[in-house]
PDB file of N, CA and C in Angstrom:
ATOM      1  N   MET A   1      17.324 -13.031 -30.126  1.00  0.00           N
ATOM      2  CA  MET A   1      17.162 -12.691 -28.725  1.00  0.00           C
ATOM      3  C   MET A   1      17.632 -11.254 -28.508  1.00  0.00           C
ATOM      4  N   THR A   2      16.957 -10.541 -27.646  1.00  0.00           N
ATOM      5  CA  THR A   2      17.267  -9.136 -27.378  1.00  0.00           C
ATOM      6  C   THR A   2      18.354  -9.047 -26.313  1.00  0.00           C
ATOM      7  N   ASN A   3      19.314  -8.180 -26.566  1.00  0.00           N
ATOM      8  CA  ASN A   3      20.392  -7.960 -25.608  1.00  0.00           C
ATOM      9  C   ASN A   3      19.968  -6.817 -24.696  1.00  0.00           C
ATOM     10  N   LEU A   4      19.635  -7.146 -23.463  1.00  0.00           N
ATOM     11  CA  LEU A   4      19.227  -6.132 -22.500  1.00  0.00           C
ATOM     12  C   LEU A   4      20.401  -5.738 -21.634  1.00  0.00           C
ATOM     13  N   GLU A   5      20.724  -4.467 -21.653  1.00  0.00           N
ATOM     14  CA  GLU A   5      21.804  -3.977 -20.810  1.00  0.00           C
ATOM     15  C   GLU A   5      21.198  -3.322 -19.576  1.00  0.00           C
ATOM     16  N   LEU A   6      21.634  -3.748 -18.428  1.00  0.00           N
ATOM     17  CA  LEU A   6      21.160  -3.163 -17.185  1.00  0.00           C
ATOM     18  C   LEU A   6      22.280  -2.348 -16.582  1.00  0.00           C
ATOM     19  N   ARG A   7      22.049  -1.048 -16.488  1.00  0.00           N
ATOM     20  CA  ARG A   7      23.057  -0.162 -15.926  1.00  0.00           C
ATOM     21  C   ARG A   7      22.443   0.686 -14.834  1.00  0.00           C
ATOM     22  N   SER A   8      23.182   0.910 -13.817  1.00  0.00           N
ATOM     23  CA  SER A   8      22.755   1.809 -12.757  1.00  0.00           C
ATOM     24  C   SER A   8      23.166   3.217 -13.148  1.00  0.00           C
ATOM     25  N   PRO A   9      22.285   4.216 -12.994  1.00  0.00           N
ATOM     26  CA  PRO A   9      22.643   5.573 -13.392  1.00  0.00           C
ATOM     27  C   PRO A   9      23.748   6.176 -12.534  1.00  0.00           C
ATOM     28  N   ALA A  10      23.895   5.683 -11.317  1.00  0.00           N
ATOM     29  CA  ALA A  10      24.950   6.182 -10.439  1.00  0.00           C
ATOM     30  C   ALA A  10      25.343   5.054  -9.495  1.00  0.00           C
ATOM     31  N   PRO A  11      26.610   4.974  -9.157  1.00  0.00           N
ATOM     32  CA  PRO A  11      27.012   3.915  -8.225  1.00  0.00           C
ATOM     33  C   PRO A  11      26.398   4.131  -6.846  1.00  0.00           C
ATOM     34  N   ALA A  12      26.050   3.043  -6.212  1.00  0.00           N
ATOM     35  CA  ALA A  12      25.467   3.125  -4.872  1.00  0.00           C
ATOM     36  C   ALA A  12      26.542   3.487  -3.866  1.00  0.00           C
ATOM     37  N   ASP A  13      26.211   4.414  -2.984  1.00  0.00           N
ATOM     38  CA  ASP A  13      27.135   4.829  -1.936  1.00  0.00           C
ATOM     39  C   ASP A  13      26.763   4.081  -0.659  1.00  0.00           C
ATOM     40  N   LEU A  14      27.386   2.942  -0.443  1.00  0.00           N
ATOM     41  CA  LEU A  14      27.040   2.111   0.701  1.00  0.00           C
ATOM     42  C   LEU A  14      27.630   2.633   2.001  1.00  0.00           C
ATOM     43  N   ASP A  15      28.630   3.503   1.911  1.00  0.00           N
ATOM     44  CA  ASP A  15      29.265   4.037   3.109  1.00  0.00           C
ATOM     45  C   ASP A  15      28.822   5.471   3.402  1.00  0.00           C
ATOM     46  N   GLY A  16      27.732   5.915   2.784  1.00  0.00           N
ATOM     47  CA  GLY A  16      27.291   7.292   2.958  1.00  0.00           C
ATOM     48  C   GLY A  16      26.701   7.526   4.335  1.00  0.00           C
ATOM     49  N   ASP A  17      26.625   8.798   4.684  1.00  0.00           N
ATOM     50  CA  ASP A  17      26.053   9.161   5.974  1.00  0.00           C
ATOM     51  C   ASP A  17      24.637   9.686   5.772  1.00  0.00           C
ATOM     52  N   LEU A  18      24.016  10.127   6.841  1.00  0.00           N
ATOM     53  CA  LEU A  18      22.645  10.614   6.771  1.00  0.00           C
ATOM     54  C   LEU A  18      22.537  11.830   5.855  1.00  0.00           C
ATOM     55  N   ALA A  19      23.529  12.687   5.843  1.00  0.00           N
ATOM     56  CA  ALA A  19      23.485  13.879   4.999  1.00  0.00           C
ATOM     57  C   ALA A  19      23.463  13.493   3.517  1.00  0.00           C
ATOM     58  N   SER A  20      24.247  12.489   3.126  1.00  0.00           N
ATOM     59  CA  SER A  20      24.242  12.084   1.716  1.00  0.00           C
ATOM     60  C   SER A  20      22.918  11.406   1.358  1.00  0.00           C
ATOM     61  N   LEU A  21      22.344  10.670   2.299  1.00  0.00           N
ATOM     62  CA  LEU A  21      21.055  10.049   2.058  1.00  0.00           C
ATOM     63  C   LEU A  21      19.976  11.114   1.864  1.00  0.00           C
ATOM     64  N   ARG A  22      19.991  12.143   2.704  1.00  0.00           N
ATOM     65  CA  ARG A  22      19.011  13.224   2.567  1.00  0.00           C
ATOM     66  C   ARG A  22      19.205  13.964   1.246  1.00  0.00           C
ATOM     67  N   GLY A  23      20.446  14.124   0.832  1.00  0.00           N
ATOM     68  CA  GLY A  23      20.722  14.766  -0.461  1.00  0.00           C
ATOM     69  C   GLY A  23      20.192  13.924  -1.612  1.00  0.00           C
ATOM     70  N   ASP A  24      20.383  12.600  -1.533  1.00  0.00           N
ATOM     71  CA  ASP A  24      19.858  11.714  -2.568  1.00  0.00           C
ATOM     72  C   ASP A  24      18.339  11.819  -2.643  1.00  0.00           C
ATOM     73  N   CYS A  25      17.693  11.837  -1.476  1.00  0.00           N
ATOM     74  CA  CYS A  25      16.235  11.942  -1.439  1.00  0.00           C
ATOM     75  C   CYS A  25      15.766  13.272  -2.017  1.00  0.00           C
ATOM     76  N   ALA A  26      16.460  14.339  -1.697  1.00  0.00           N
ATOM     77  CA  ALA A  26      16.088  15.659  -2.211  1.00  0.00           C
ATOM     78  C   ALA A  26      16.216  15.714  -3.730  1.00  0.00           C
ATOM     79  N   ARG A  27      17.231  15.053  -4.281  1.00  0.00           N
ATOM     80  CA  ARG A  27      17.396  15.031  -5.730  1.00  0.00           C
ATOM     81  C   ARG A  27      16.333  14.181  -6.407  1.00  0.00           C
ATOM     82  N   MET A  28      15.845  13.148  -5.745  1.00  0.00           N
ATOM     83  CA  MET A  28      14.849  12.261  -6.342  1.00  0.00           C
ATOM     84  C   MET A  28      13.420  12.771  -6.159  1.00  0.00           C
ATOM     85  N   ALA A  29      13.178  13.635  -5.187  1.00  0.00           N
ATOM     86  CA  ALA A  29      11.822  14.085  -4.881  1.00  0.00           C
ATOM     87  C   ALA A  29      11.070  14.628  -6.096  1.00  0.00           C
ATOM     88  N   PRO A  30      11.686  15.428  -6.963  1.00  0.00           N
ATOM     89  CA  PRO A  30      10.932  15.923  -8.121  1.00  0.00           C
ATOM     90  C   PRO A  30      10.469  14.818  -9.071  1.00  0.00           C
ATOM     91  N   HIS A  31      11.068  13.651  -9.011  1.00  0.00           N
ATOM     92  CA  HIS A  31      10.713  12.552  -9.908  1.00  0.00           C
ATOM     93  C   HIS A  31       9.535  11.734  -9.392  1.00  0.00           C
ATOM     94  N   TRP A  32       9.153  11.911  -8.147  1.00  0.00           N
ATOM     95  CA  TRP A  32       8.069  11.140  -7.548  1.00  0.00           C
ATOM     96  C   TRP A  32       6.758  11.889  -7.727  1.00  0.00           C
ATOM     97  N   ALA A  33       5.825  11.295  -8.420  1.00  0.00           N
ATOM     98  CA  ALA A  33       4.524  11.913  -8.635  1.00  0.00           C
ATOM     99  C   ALA A  33       3.572  11.474  -7.525  1.00  0.00           C
ATOM    100  N   VAL A  34       2.853  12.421  -6.996  1.00  0.00           N
ATOM    101  CA  VAL A  34       1.863  12.123  -5.958  1.00  0.00           C
ATOM    102  C   VAL A  34       0.515  11.986  -6.650  1.00  0.00           C
ATOM    103  N   PRO A  35      -0.126  10.822  -6.529  1.00  0.00           N
ATOM    104  CA  PRO A  35      -1.418  10.666  -7.198  1.00  0.00           C
ATOM    105  C   PRO A  35      -2.485  11.539  -6.542  1.00  0.00           C
ATOM    106  N   LYS A  36      -3.441  11.964  -7.352  1.00  0.00           N
ATOM    107  CA  LYS A  36      -4.551  12.736  -6.799  1.00  0.00           C
ATOM    108  C   LYS A  36      -5.365  11.821  -5.890  1.00  0.00           C
ATOM    109  N   ARG A  37      -5.844  12.373  -4.818  1.00  0.00           N
ATOM    110  CA  ARG A  37      -6.606  11.578  -3.863  1.00  0.00           C
ATOM    111  C   ARG A  37      -7.946  11.192  -4.482  1.00  0.00           C
ATOM    112  N   ILE A  38      -8.238   9.920  -4.466  1.00  0.00           N
ATOM    113  CA  ILE A  38      -9.491   9.418  -4.993  1.00  0.00           C
ATOM    114  C   ILE A  38     -10.384   9.050  -3.820  1.00  0.00           C
ATOM    115  N   VAL A  39     -11.520   9.705  -3.724  1.00  0.00           N
ATOM    116  CA  VAL A  39     -12.453   9.444  -2.638  1.00  0.00           C
ATOM    117  C   VAL A  39     -13.523   8.486  -3.160  1.00  0.00           C
ATOM    118  N   PRO A  40     -13.602   7.279  -2.591  1.00  0.00           N
ATOM    119  CA  PRO A  40     -14.609   6.346  -3.076  1.00  0.00           C
ATOM    120  C   PRO A  40     -16.021   6.798  -2.696  1.00  0.00           C
ATOM    121  N   LEU A  41     -16.939   6.582  -3.590  1.00  0.00           N
ATOM    122  CA  LEU A  41     -18.328   6.938  -3.329  1.00  0.00           C
ATOM    123  C   LEU A  41     -18.979   5.826  -2.512  1.00  0.00           C
ATOM    124  N   PRO A  42     -19.915   6.165  -1.634  1.00  0.00           N
ATOM    125  CA  PRO A  42     -20.588   5.126  -0.861  1.00  0.00           C
ATOM    126  C   PRO A  42     -21.426   4.231  -1.780  1.00  0.00           C
ATOM    127  N   VAL A  43     -21.536   2.979  -1.403  1.00  0.00           N
ATOM    128  CA  VAL A  43     -22.292   2.003  -2.179  1.00  0.00           C
ATOM    129  C   VAL A  43     -23.606   1.735  -1.468  1.00  0.00           C
ATOM    130  N   SER A  44     -24.663   1.749  -2.224  1.00  0.00           N
ATOM    131  CA  SER A  44     -25.980   1.471  -1.663  1.00  0.00           C
ATOM    132  C   SER A  44     -26.043   0.015  -1.197  1.00  0.00           C
ATOM    133  N   PRO A  45     -26.602  -0.246  -0.015  1.00  0.00           N
ATOM    134  CA  PRO A  45     -26.707  -1.635   0.457  1.00  0.00           C
ATOM    135  C   PRO A  45     -27.473  -2.537  -0.503  1.00  0.00           C
ATOM    136  N   SER A  46     -28.374  -1.974  -1.295  1.00  0.00           N
ATOM    137  CA  SER A  46     -29.128  -2.804  -2.239  1.00  0.00           C
ATOM    138  C   SER A  46     -28.241  -3.347  -3.357  1.00  0.00           C
ATOM    139  N   LEU A  47     -27.084  -2.728  -3.563  1.00  0.00           N
ATOM    140  CA  LEU A  47     -26.164  -3.203  -4.601  1.00  0.00           C
ATOM    141  C   LEU A  47     -25.205  -4.272  -4.093  1.00  0.00           C
ATOM    142  N   ILE A  48     -25.157  -4.461  -2.782  1.00  0.00           N
ATOM    143  CA  ILE A  48     -24.264  -5.470  -2.207  1.00  0.00           C
ATOM    144  C   ILE A  48     -25.036  -6.778  -2.111  1.00  0.00           C
ATOM    145  N   HIS A  49     -24.567  -7.774  -2.804  1.00  0.00           N
ATOM    146  CA  HIS A  49     -25.233  -9.070  -2.774  1.00  0.00           C
ATOM    147  C   HIS A  49     -24.205 -10.170  -2.999  1.00  0.00           C
ATOM    148  N   GLY A  50     -24.563 -11.365  -2.646  1.00  0.00           N
ATOM    149  CA  GLY A  50     -23.688 -12.498  -2.873  1.00  0.00           C
ATOM    150  C   GLY A  50     -22.728 -12.773  -1.734  1.00  0.00           C
ATOM    151  N   VAL A  51     -22.860 -12.072  -0.626  1.00  0.00           N
ATOM    152  CA  VAL A  51     -21.979 -12.308   0.517  1.00  0.00           C
ATOM    153  C   VAL A  51     -22.643 -13.343   1.414  1.00  0.00           C
ATOM    154  N   THR A  52     -21.932 -14.417   1.686  1.00  0.00           N
ATOM    155  CA  THR A  52     -22.468 -15.445   2.579  1.00  0.00           C
ATOM    156  C   THR A  52     -21.513 -15.640   3.745  1.00  0.00           C
ATOM    157  N   VAL A  53     -22.079 -15.893   4.899  1.00  0.00           N
ATOM    158  CA  VAL A  53     -21.301 -16.136   6.108  1.00  0.00           C
ATOM    159  C   VAL A  53     -21.660 -17.517   6.623  1.00  0.00           C
ATOM    160  N   PRO A  54     -20.659 -18.375   6.816  1.00  0.00           N
ATOM    161  CA  PRO A  54     -20.963 -19.706   7.337  1.00  0.00           C
ATOM    162  C   PRO A  54     -21.619 -19.607   8.716  1.00  0.00           C
ATOM    163  N   PRO A  55     -22.568 -20.508   9.019  1.00  0.00           N
ATOM    164  CA  PRO A  55     -23.262 -20.446  10.310  1.00  0.00           C
ATOM    165  C   PRO A  55     -22.313 -20.498  11.506  1.00  0.00           C
ATOM    166  N   GLY A  56     -21.261 -21.277  11.414  1.00  0.00           N
ATOM    167  CA  GLY A  56     -20.314 -21.351  12.529  1.00  0.00           C
ATOM    168  C   GLY A  56     -19.638 -20.022  12.793  1.00  0.00           C
ATOM    169  N   SER A  57     -19.299 -19.292  11.734  1.00  0.00           N
ATOM    170  CA  SER A  57     -18.672 -17.979  11.894  1.00  0.00           C
ATOM    171  C   SER A  57     -19.658 -16.981  12.473  1.00  0.00           C
ATOM    172  N   ALA A  58     -20.905 -17.051  12.021  1.00  0.00           N
ATOM    173  CA  ALA A  58     -21.923 -16.143  12.546  1.00  0.00           C
ATOM    174  C   ALA A  58     -22.133 -16.377  14.038  1.00  0.00           C
ATOM    175  N   ARG A  59     -22.162 -17.654  14.453  1.00  0.00           N
ATOM    176  CA  ARG A  59     -22.338 -17.953  15.883  1.00  0.00           C
ATOM    177  C   ARG A  59     -21.137 -17.465  16.683  1.00  0.00           C
ATOM    178  N   LEU A  60     -19.945 -17.643  16.133  1.00  0.00           N
ATOM    179  CA  LEU A  60     -18.737 -17.203  16.830  1.00  0.00           C
ATOM    180  C   LEU A  60     -18.767 -15.691  17.044  1.00  0.00           C
ATOM    181  N   LEU A  61     -19.110 -14.944  16.009  1.00  0.00           N
ATOM    182  CA  LEU A  61     -19.161 -13.487  16.133  1.00  0.00           C
ATOM    183  C   LEU A  61     -20.272 -13.039  17.067  1.00  0.00           C
ATOM    184  N   GLU A  62     -21.393 -13.739  17.032  1.00  0.00           N
ATOM    185  CA  GLU A  62     -22.496 -13.378  17.900  1.00  0.00           C
ATOM    186  C   GLU A  62     -22.139 -13.598  19.371  1.00  0.00           C
ATOM    187  N   ALA A  63     -21.302 -14.586  19.643  1.00  0.00           N
ATOM    188  CA  ALA A  63     -20.938 -14.906  21.018  1.00  0.00           C
ATOM    189  C   ALA A  63     -19.839 -13.976  21.565  1.00  0.00           C
ATOM    190  N   MET A  64     -19.179 -13.204  20.692  1.00  0.00           N
ATOM    191  CA  MET A  64     -18.104 -12.328  21.136  1.00  0.00           C
ATOM    192  C   MET A  64     -18.679 -11.082  21.793  1.00  0.00           C
ATOM    193  N   SER A  65     -18.003 -10.602  22.818  1.00  0.00           N
ATOM    194  CA  SER A  65     -18.441  -9.358  23.427  1.00  0.00           C
ATOM    195  C   SER A  65     -18.085  -8.200  22.507  1.00  0.00           C
ATOM    196  N   GLU A  66     -18.792  -7.105  22.615  1.00  0.00           N
ATOM    197  CA  GLU A  66     -18.600  -5.992  21.701  1.00  0.00           C
ATOM    198  C   GLU A  66     -17.247  -5.335  21.850  1.00  0.00           C
ATOM    199  N   TYR A  67     -16.756  -5.161  23.074  1.00  0.00           N
ATOM    200  CA  TYR A  67     -15.498  -4.454  23.308  1.00  0.00           C
ATOM    201  C   TYR A  67     -14.406  -5.351  23.854  1.00  0.00           C
ATOM    202  N   GLY A  68     -14.588  -6.617  23.901  1.00  0.00           N
ATOM    203  CA  GLY A  68     -13.566  -7.507  24.437  1.00  0.00           C
ATOM    204  C   GLY A  68     -13.650  -7.582  25.945  1.00  0.00           C
ATOM    205  N   ASP A  69     -12.909  -8.523  26.485  1.00  0.00           N
ATOM    206  CA  ASP A  69     -12.929  -8.732  27.943  1.00  0.00           C
ATOM    207  C   ASP A  69     -11.656  -8.240  28.586  1.00  0.00           C
TER     208      ASP A  69
END
């Protein structure tokens, strides 16, 4: 069996103030990677298939007003 040691790199400061929290965040910011924005491509309606709507749900939606009452 593997002996896993779990250690915290620094003790948690539970009594810290806002300034210490902001300092902690500033120190961690370089470690956070921002993913590149992925823009999804539009899908052709001819490729969308297999979606079924129960008749009761279709009637319910058809009976709803467009903008609410």
